[in-house]
Amino acid sequence: MLWIAIRAHAGEKFRTAAGLPLSYVVPCNYVRVVRDGRRINRSLTRTNFAKALSAVPAERPSDIKDRQVSGYTWAIL
C-alpha cells in the first residue's frame, strides 16, 4: 500500500523540514527527487521507504537518519 501511495503522489509538491520545496518522479521501483526543476543525483529505493515506515510517525528527518537521504524520505512520507 505504501508504494502505491508514493506512486500516486508523484509530481505533487512537498516540503522538507527546512521548508525547501521538492517533488519527485517514480520511473520504476525507485524515487528521483526533483528540486528547482533538476533531478537530484540520488535514487530512493522502494525498500528505503518500507524500512523508514517502521519509524513513522517521525517528527523530524533525524528520526529516520539511518535511511537514504533522510530529509527527502521524511518529506515524502
C-alpha atoms as a PDB file:
ATOM      1  CA  MET A   1       0.000   0.000   0.000  1.00  0.00           C
ATOM      2  CA  LEU A   2       2.821   2.458   0.798  1.00  0.00           C
ATOM      3  CA  TRP A   3       4.386   2.147  -2.639  1.00  0.00           C
ATOM      4  CA  ILE A   4       1.007   2.622  -4.320  1.00  0.00           C
ATOM      5  CA  ALA A   5       0.537   5.863  -2.349  1.00  0.00           C
ATOM      6  CA  ILE A   6       4.046   7.075  -3.193  1.00  0.00           C
ATOM      7  CA  ARG A   7       3.447   6.440  -6.903  1.00  0.00           C
ATOM      8  CA  ALA A   8       0.039   8.135  -6.729  1.00  0.00           C
ATOM      9  CA  HIS A   9       1.539  11.360  -5.314  1.00  0.00           C
ATOM     10  CA  ALA A  10       4.435  11.621  -7.776  1.00  0.00           C
ATOM     11  CA  GLY A  11       4.646  15.126  -9.202  1.00  0.00           C
ATOM     12  CA  GLU A  12       2.968  16.792  -6.224  1.00  0.00           C
ATOM     13  CA  LYS A  13       4.737  19.478  -4.234  1.00  0.00           C
ATOM     14  CA  PHE A  14       6.259  18.628  -0.851  1.00  0.00           C
ATOM     15  CA  ARG A  15       8.488  20.494   1.595  1.00  0.00           C
ATOM     16  CA  THR A  16      11.475  19.375   3.598  1.00  0.00           C
ATOM     17  CA  ALA A  17      11.660  20.078   7.326  1.00  0.00           C
ATOM     18  CA  ALA A  18      13.632  23.224   6.410  1.00  0.00           C
ATOM     19  CA  GLY A  19      10.810  24.319   4.103  1.00  0.00           C
ATOM     20  CA  LEU A  20      12.599  23.618   0.820  1.00  0.00           C
ATOM     21  CA  PRO A  21      10.191  22.676  -1.982  1.00  0.00           C
ATOM     22  CA  LEU A  22      10.531  19.387  -3.828  1.00  0.00           C
ATOM     23  CA  SER A  23       8.609  16.956  -5.964  1.00  0.00           C
ATOM     24  CA  TYR A  24       9.539  13.554  -7.302  1.00  0.00           C
ATOM     25  CA  VAL A  25       9.120  11.092 -10.134  1.00  0.00           C
ATOM     26  CA  VAL A  26       8.866   7.310  -9.909  1.00  0.00           C
ATOM     27  CA  PRO A  27      10.480   5.824 -13.030  1.00  0.00           C
ATOM     28  CA  CYS A  28      10.438   2.238 -11.741  1.00  0.00           C
ATOM     29  CA  ASN A  29      10.982   0.850  -8.232  1.00  0.00           C
ATOM     30  CA  TYR A  30      12.711   3.974  -7.003  1.00  0.00           C
ATOM     31  CA  VAL A  31      12.065   7.678  -6.470  1.00  0.00           C
ATOM     32  CA  ARG A  32      14.013  10.503  -8.077  1.00  0.00           C
ATOM     33  CA  VAL A  33      13.699  13.798  -6.198  1.00  0.00           C
ATOM     34  CA  VAL A  34      13.278  16.987  -8.223  1.00  0.00           C
ATOM     35  CA  ARG A  35      14.379  20.317  -6.720  1.00  0.00           C
ATOM     36  CA  ASP A  36      14.334  23.613  -8.587  1.00  0.00           C
ATOM     37  CA  GLY A  37      13.484  21.783 -11.812  1.00  0.00           C
ATOM     38  CA  ARG A  38      16.510  19.456 -11.541  1.00  0.00           C
ATOM     39  CA  ARG A  39      16.629  15.805 -10.611  1.00  0.00           C
ATOM     40  CA  ILE A  40      18.817  15.135  -7.584  1.00  0.00           C
ATOM     41  CA  ASN A  41      21.514  12.569  -8.354  1.00  0.00           C
ATOM     42  CA  ARG A  42      20.257  10.093  -5.735  1.00  0.00           C
ATOM     43  CA  SER A  43      17.673   7.356  -6.002  1.00  0.00           C
ATOM     44  CA  LEU A  44      15.430   6.469  -3.075  1.00  0.00           C
ATOM     45  CA  THR A  45      14.511   2.821  -3.314  1.00  0.00           C
ATOM     46  CA  ARG A  46      11.186   1.230  -2.602  1.00  0.00           C
ATOM     47  CA  THR A  47      12.888  -0.730   0.204  1.00  0.00           C
ATOM     48  CA  ASN A  48      14.175   2.523   1.728  1.00  0.00           C
ATOM     49  CA  PHE A  49      10.607   3.749   2.235  1.00  0.00           C
ATOM     50  CA  ALA A  50       9.406   0.393   3.568  1.00  0.00           C
ATOM     51  CA  LYS A  51      12.159   0.407   6.215  1.00  0.00           C
ATOM     52  CA  ALA A  52      11.571   4.085   7.085  1.00  0.00           C
ATOM     53  CA  LEU A  53       7.877   3.385   7.607  1.00  0.00           C
ATOM     54  CA  SER A  54       8.750   1.456  10.774  1.00  0.00           C
ATOM     55  CA  ALA A  55       9.836   4.779  12.348  1.00  0.00           C
ATOM     56  CA  VAL A  56       6.621   6.616  11.460  1.00  0.00           C
ATOM     57  CA  PRO A  57       5.338   8.817  12.901  1.00  0.00           C
ATOM     58  CA  ALA A  58       8.667  10.610  12.771  1.00  0.00           C
ATOM     59  CA  GLU A  59       8.687  14.201  13.970  1.00  0.00           C
ATOM     60  CA  ARG A  60      11.816  15.176  12.041  1.00  0.00           C
ATOM     61  CA  PRO A  61      14.265  13.704   9.499  1.00  0.00           C
ATOM     62  CA  SER A  62      16.782  12.824  12.204  1.00  0.00           C
ATOM     63  CA  ASP A  63      14.265  10.265  13.495  1.00  0.00           C
ATOM     64  CA  ILE A  64      14.967   8.231  10.356  1.00  0.00           C
ATOM     65  CA  LYS A  65      18.623   9.225   9.839  1.00  0.00           C
ATOM     66  CA  ASP A  66      19.579   5.629   9.033  1.00  0.00           C
ATOM     67  CA  ARG A  67      17.589   5.855   5.753  1.00  0.00           C
ATOM     68  CA  GLN A  68      18.851   7.159   2.412  1.00  0.00           C
ATOM     69  CA  VAL A  69      18.675  10.944   2.148  1.00  0.00           C
ATOM     70  CA  SER A  70      16.530  11.078   5.267  1.00  0.00           C
ATOM     71  CA  GLY A  71      15.350  14.659   4.676  1.00  0.00           C
ATOM     72  CA  TYR A  72      13.711  13.765   1.385  1.00  0.00           C
ATOM     73  CA  THR A  73      12.469  10.406   2.644  1.00  0.00           C
ATOM     74  CA  TRP A  74      10.835  12.148   5.626  1.00  0.00           C
ATOM     75  CA  ALA A  75       9.223  14.817   3.427  1.00  0.00           C
ATOM     76  CA  ILE A  76       7.675  12.219   1.126  1.00  0.00           C
ATOM     77  CA  LEU A  77       6.414  10.050   3.962  1.00  0.00           C
END
